[in-house]
Amino acid sequence: MRDFPPDDAAYGWDGAFRGNRLNPAVFVWVIEAELNTGEVILIKGDVTLL
């Protein structure tokens, strides 16, 4: 999806899992990917639930 308003709840996740709102927290993610060229790249970031 492209060109969507970042503050419009209709385009995002509502912060619930199995019908229950999750507690505020910060989740860290890391992806290590090997490209077709054999190069290995590392991508990382975080997601904050308010």
PDB file of N, CA and C in Angstrom:
ATOM      1  N   MET A   1       0.849  -1.165   0.000  1.00  0.00           N
ATOM      2  CA  MET A   1       0.000   0.000   0.000  1.00  0.00           C
ATOM      3  C   MET A   1       0.900   1.235   0.000  1.00  0.00           C
ATOM      4  N   ARG A   2       0.504   2.228  -0.748  1.00  0.00           N
ATOM      5  CA  ARG A   2       1.296   3.460  -0.838  1.00  0.00           C
ATOM      6  C   ARG A   2       0.418   4.687  -0.609  1.00  0.00           C
ATOM      7  N   ASP A   3       1.067   5.757  -0.211  1.00  0.00           N
ATOM      8  CA  ASP A   3       0.418   7.067  -0.090  1.00  0.00           C
ATOM      9  C   ASP A   3      -0.834   7.044   0.778  1.00  0.00           C
ATOM     10  N   PHE A   4      -0.709   6.505   1.978  1.00  0.00           N
ATOM     11  CA  PHE A   4      -1.838   6.520   2.900  1.00  0.00           C
ATOM     12  C   PHE A   4      -1.506   7.432   4.072  1.00  0.00           C
ATOM     13  N   PRO A   5      -2.519   8.022   4.700  1.00  0.00           N
ATOM     14  CA  PRO A   5      -2.260   8.898   5.838  1.00  0.00           C
ATOM     15  C   PRO A   5      -1.823   8.071   7.048  1.00  0.00           C
ATOM     16  N   PRO A   6      -0.668   8.357   7.632  1.00  0.00           N
ATOM     17  CA  PRO A   6      -0.148   7.540   8.728  1.00  0.00           C
ATOM     18  C   PRO A   6      -0.972   7.611  10.015  1.00  0.00           C
ATOM     19  N   ASP A   7      -1.812   8.622  10.158  1.00  0.00           N
ATOM     20  CA  ASP A   7      -2.594   8.762  11.390  1.00  0.00           C
ATOM     21  C   ASP A   7      -4.057   8.352  11.213  1.00  0.00           C
ATOM     22  N   ASP A   8      -4.387   7.647  10.127  1.00  0.00           N
ATOM     23  CA  ASP A   8      -5.753   7.205   9.873  1.00  0.00           C
ATOM     24  C   ASP A   8      -5.894   5.744  10.280  1.00  0.00           C
ATOM     25  N   ALA A   9      -6.662   5.489  11.344  1.00  0.00           N
ATOM     26  CA  ALA A   9      -6.813   4.131  11.886  1.00  0.00           C
ATOM     27  C   ALA A   9      -7.404   3.154  10.866  1.00  0.00           C
ATOM     28  N   ALA A  10      -8.107   3.636   9.869  1.00  0.00           N
ATOM     29  CA  ALA A  10      -8.695   2.762   8.853  1.00  0.00           C
ATOM     30  C   ALA A  10      -7.616   2.044   8.045  1.00  0.00           C
ATOM     31  N   TYR A  11      -6.384   2.552   8.063  1.00  0.00           N
ATOM     32  CA  TYR A  11      -5.296   1.966   7.278  1.00  0.00           C
ATOM     33  C   TYR A  11      -4.301   1.199   8.133  1.00  0.00           C
ATOM     34  N   GLY A  12      -4.535   1.065   9.413  1.00  0.00           N
ATOM     35  CA  GLY A  12      -3.539   0.430  10.274  1.00  0.00           C
ATOM     36  C   GLY A  12      -4.138  -0.597  11.203  1.00  0.00           C
ATOM     37  N   TRP A  13      -3.310  -1.046  12.088  1.00  0.00           N
ATOM     38  CA  TRP A  13      -3.686  -2.035  13.091  1.00  0.00           C
ATOM     39  C   TRP A  13      -4.242  -1.311  14.298  1.00  0.00           C
ATOM     40  N   ASP A  14      -5.271  -1.854  14.902  1.00  0.00           N
ATOM     41  CA  ASP A  14      -5.929  -1.177  16.025  1.00  0.00           C
ATOM     42  C   ASP A  14      -5.287  -1.481  17.380  1.00  0.00           C
ATOM     43  N   GLY A  15      -4.203  -2.250  17.410  1.00  0.00           N
ATOM     44  CA  GLY A  15      -3.510  -2.550  18.661  1.00  0.00           C
ATOM     45  C   GLY A  15      -4.134  -3.680  19.448  1.00  0.00           C
ATOM     46  N   ALA A  16      -5.060  -4.423  18.820  1.00  0.00           N
ATOM     47  CA  ALA A  16      -5.724  -5.524  19.520  1.00  0.00           C
ATOM     48  C   ALA A  16      -5.232  -6.872  18.985  1.00  0.00           C
ATOM     49  N   PHE A  17      -5.268  -7.873  19.870  1.00  0.00           N
ATOM     50  CA  PHE A  17      -4.945  -9.248  19.496  1.00  0.00           C
ATOM     51  C   PHE A  17      -6.020 -10.148  20.088  1.00  0.00           C
ATOM     52  N   ARG A  18      -6.699 -10.871  19.234  1.00  0.00           N
ATOM     53  CA  ARG A  18      -7.815 -11.739  19.656  1.00  0.00           C
ATOM     54  C   ARG A  18      -8.863 -10.960  20.450  1.00  0.00           C
ATOM     55  N   GLY A  19      -9.115  -9.750  19.986  1.00  0.00           N
ATOM     56  CA  GLY A  19     -10.156  -8.935  20.589  1.00  0.00           C
ATOM     57  C   GLY A  19      -9.758  -8.157  21.826  1.00  0.00           C
ATOM     58  N   ASN A  20      -8.525  -8.296  22.277  1.00  0.00           N
ATOM     59  CA  ASN A  20      -8.057  -7.587  23.472  1.00  0.00           C
ATOM     60  C   ASN A  20      -6.975  -6.578  23.104  1.00  0.00           C
ATOM     61  N   ARG A  21      -7.115  -5.365  23.664  1.00  0.00           N
ATOM     62  CA  ARG A  21      -6.085  -4.341  23.447  1.00  0.00           C
ATOM     63  C   ARG A  21      -4.804  -4.767  24.150  1.00  0.00           C
ATOM     64  N   LEU A  22      -3.679  -4.586  23.500  1.00  0.00           N
ATOM     65  CA  LEU A  22      -2.392  -4.914  24.094  1.00  0.00           C
ATOM     66  C   LEU A  22      -1.875  -3.746  24.924  1.00  0.00           C
ATOM     67  N   ASN A  23      -1.074  -4.054  25.925  1.00  0.00           N
ATOM     68  CA  ASN A  23      -0.474  -3.022  26.767  1.00  0.00           C
ATOM     69  C   ASN A  23       0.555  -2.224  25.976  1.00  0.00           C
ATOM     70  N   PRO A  24       0.739  -0.946  26.314  1.00  0.00           N
ATOM     71  CA  PRO A  24       1.774  -0.153  25.662  1.00  0.00           C
ATOM     72  C   PRO A  24       3.140  -0.825  25.837  1.00  0.00           C
ATOM     73  N   ALA A  25       3.907  -0.864  24.760  1.00  0.00           N
ATOM     74  CA  ALA A  25       5.225  -1.500  24.794  1.00  0.00           C
ATOM     75  C   ALA A  25       5.993  -1.133  23.534  1.00  0.00           C
ATOM     76  N   VAL A  26       7.280  -1.416  23.562  1.00  0.00           N
ATOM     77  CA  VAL A  26       8.133  -1.246  22.384  1.00  0.00           C
ATOM     78  C   VAL A  26       8.624  -2.627  21.981  1.00  0.00           C
ATOM     79  N   PHE A  27       8.433  -2.973  20.710  1.00  0.00           N
ATOM     80  CA  PHE A  27       8.874  -4.256  20.171  1.00  0.00           C
ATOM     81  C   PHE A  27       9.976  -4.006  19.155  1.00  0.00           C
ATOM     82  N   VAL A  28      11.076  -4.711  19.306  1.00  0.00           N
ATOM     83  CA  VAL A  28      12.233  -4.569  18.415  1.00  0.00           C
ATOM     84  C   VAL A  28      12.221  -5.733  17.428  1.00  0.00           C
ATOM     85  N   TRP A  29      12.512  -5.444  16.151  1.00  0.00           N
ATOM     86  CA  TRP A  29      12.573  -6.490  15.141  1.00  0.00           C
ATOM     87  C   TRP A  29      13.882  -6.401  14.376  1.00  0.00           C
ATOM     88  N   VAL A  30      14.361  -7.567  13.913  1.00  0.00           N
ATOM     89  CA  VAL A  30      15.607  -7.658  13.142  1.00  0.00           C
ATOM     90  C   VAL A  30      15.381  -8.647  12.008  1.00  0.00           C
ATOM     91  N   ILE A  31      15.794  -8.275  10.816  1.00  0.00           N
ATOM     92  CA  ILE A  31      15.724  -9.158   9.652  1.00  0.00           C
ATOM     93  C   ILE A  31      17.119  -9.287   9.071  1.00  0.00           C
ATOM     94  N   GLU A  32      17.567 -10.503   8.901  1.00  0.00           N
ATOM     95  CA  GLU A  32      18.819 -10.769   8.186  1.00  0.00           C
ATOM     96  C   GLU A  32      18.416 -11.487   6.907  1.00  0.00           C
ATOM     97  N   ALA A  33      18.712 -10.877   5.770  1.00  0.00           N
ATOM     98  CA  ALA A  33      18.277 -11.423   4.485  1.00  0.00           C
ATOM     99  C   ALA A  33      19.461 -11.620   3.557  1.00  0.00           C
ATOM    100  N   GLU A  34      19.426 -12.708   2.827  1.00  0.00           N
ATOM    101  CA  GLU A  34      20.453 -12.957   1.818  1.00  0.00           C
ATOM    102  C   GLU A  34      19.847 -12.655   0.449  1.00  0.00           C
ATOM    103  N   LEU A  35      20.476 -11.738  -0.276  1.00  0.00           N
ATOM    104  CA  LEU A  35      20.001 -11.325  -1.585  1.00  0.00           C
ATOM    105  C   LEU A  35      20.432 -12.333  -2.656  1.00  0.00           C
ATOM    106  N   ASN A  36      19.851 -12.205  -3.851  1.00  0.00           N
ATOM    107  CA  ASN A  36      20.210 -13.079  -4.977  1.00  0.00           C
ATOM    108  C   ASN A  36      21.702 -13.019  -5.293  1.00  0.00           C
ATOM    109  N   THR A  37      22.331 -11.910  -4.982  1.00  0.00           N
ATOM    110  CA  THR A  37      23.755 -11.720  -5.265  1.00  0.00           C
ATOM    111  C   THR A  37      24.645 -12.419  -4.235  1.00  0.00           C
ATOM    112  N   GLY A  38      24.041 -12.942  -3.168  1.00  0.00           N
ATOM    113  CA  GLY A  38      24.803 -13.556  -2.095  1.00  0.00           C
ATOM    114  C   GLY A  38      25.115 -12.599  -0.964  1.00  0.00           C
ATOM    115  N   GLU A  39      24.864 -11.313  -1.168  1.00  0.00           N
ATOM    116  CA  GLU A  39      25.092 -10.315  -0.125  1.00  0.00           C
ATOM    117  C   GLU A  39      24.087 -10.521   0.997  1.00  0.00           C
ATOM    118  N   VAL A  40      24.530 -10.423   2.236  1.00  0.00           N
ATOM    119  CA  VAL A  40      23.660 -10.523   3.403  1.00  0.00           C
ATOM    120  C   VAL A  40      23.460  -9.123   3.964  1.00  0.00           C
ATOM    121  N   ILE A  41      22.186  -8.745   4.143  1.00  0.00           N
ATOM    122  CA  ILE A  41      21.886  -7.417   4.686  1.00  0.00           C
ATOM    123  C   ILE A  41      21.139  -7.574   6.005  1.00  0.00           C
ATOM    124  N   LEU A  42      21.282  -6.590   6.866  1.00  0.00           N
ATOM    125  CA  LEU A  42      20.623  -6.566   8.159  1.00  0.00           C
ATOM    126  C   LEU A  42      19.737  -5.328   8.212  1.00  0.00           C
ATOM    127  N   ILE A  43      18.454  -5.544   8.495  1.00  0.00           N
ATOM    128  CA  ILE A  43      17.488  -4.457   8.609  1.00  0.00           C
ATOM    129  C   ILE A  43      16.881  -4.561  10.009  1.00  0.00           C
ATOM    130  N   LYS A  44      16.788  -3.455  10.717  1.00  0.00           N
ATOM    131  CA  LYS A  44      16.230  -3.507  12.062  1.00  0.00           C
ATOM    132  C   LYS A  44      15.447  -2.253  12.359  1.00  0.00           C
ATOM    133  N   GLY A  45      14.562  -2.359  13.341  1.00  0.00           N
ATOM    134  CA  GLY A  45      13.740  -1.223  13.720  1.00  0.00           C
ATOM    135  C   GLY A  45      12.929  -1.575  14.949  1.00  0.00           C
ATOM    136  N   ASP A  46      11.926  -0.745  15.205  1.00  0.00           N
ATOM    137  CA  ASP A  46      11.062  -1.000  16.353  1.00  0.00           C
ATOM    138  C   ASP A  46       9.664  -0.520  16.051  1.00  0.00           C
ATOM    139  N   VAL A  47       8.712  -1.055  16.826  1.00  0.00           N
ATOM    140  CA  VAL A  47       7.309  -0.677  16.744  1.00  0.00           C
ATOM    141  C   VAL A  47       6.870  -0.323  18.158  1.00  0.00           C
ATOM    142  N   THR A  48       6.240   0.819  18.318  1.00  0.00           N
ATOM    143  CA  THR A  48       5.787   1.256  19.631  1.00  0.00           C
ATOM    144  C   THR A  48       4.250   1.220  19.687  1.00  0.00           C
ATOM    145  N   LEU A  49       3.713   0.517  20.680  1.00  0.00           N
ATOM    146  CA  LEU A  49       2.278   0.520  20.927  1.00  0.00           C
ATOM    147  C   LEU A  49       1.997   1.548  22.013  1.00  0.00           C
ATOM    148  N   LEU A  50       1.075   2.445  21.741  1.00  0.00           N
ATOM    149  CA  LEU A  50       0.709   3.476  22.719  1.00  0.00           C
ATOM    150  C   LEU A  50      -0.632   3.168  23.342  1.00  0.00           C
TER     151      LEU A  50
END
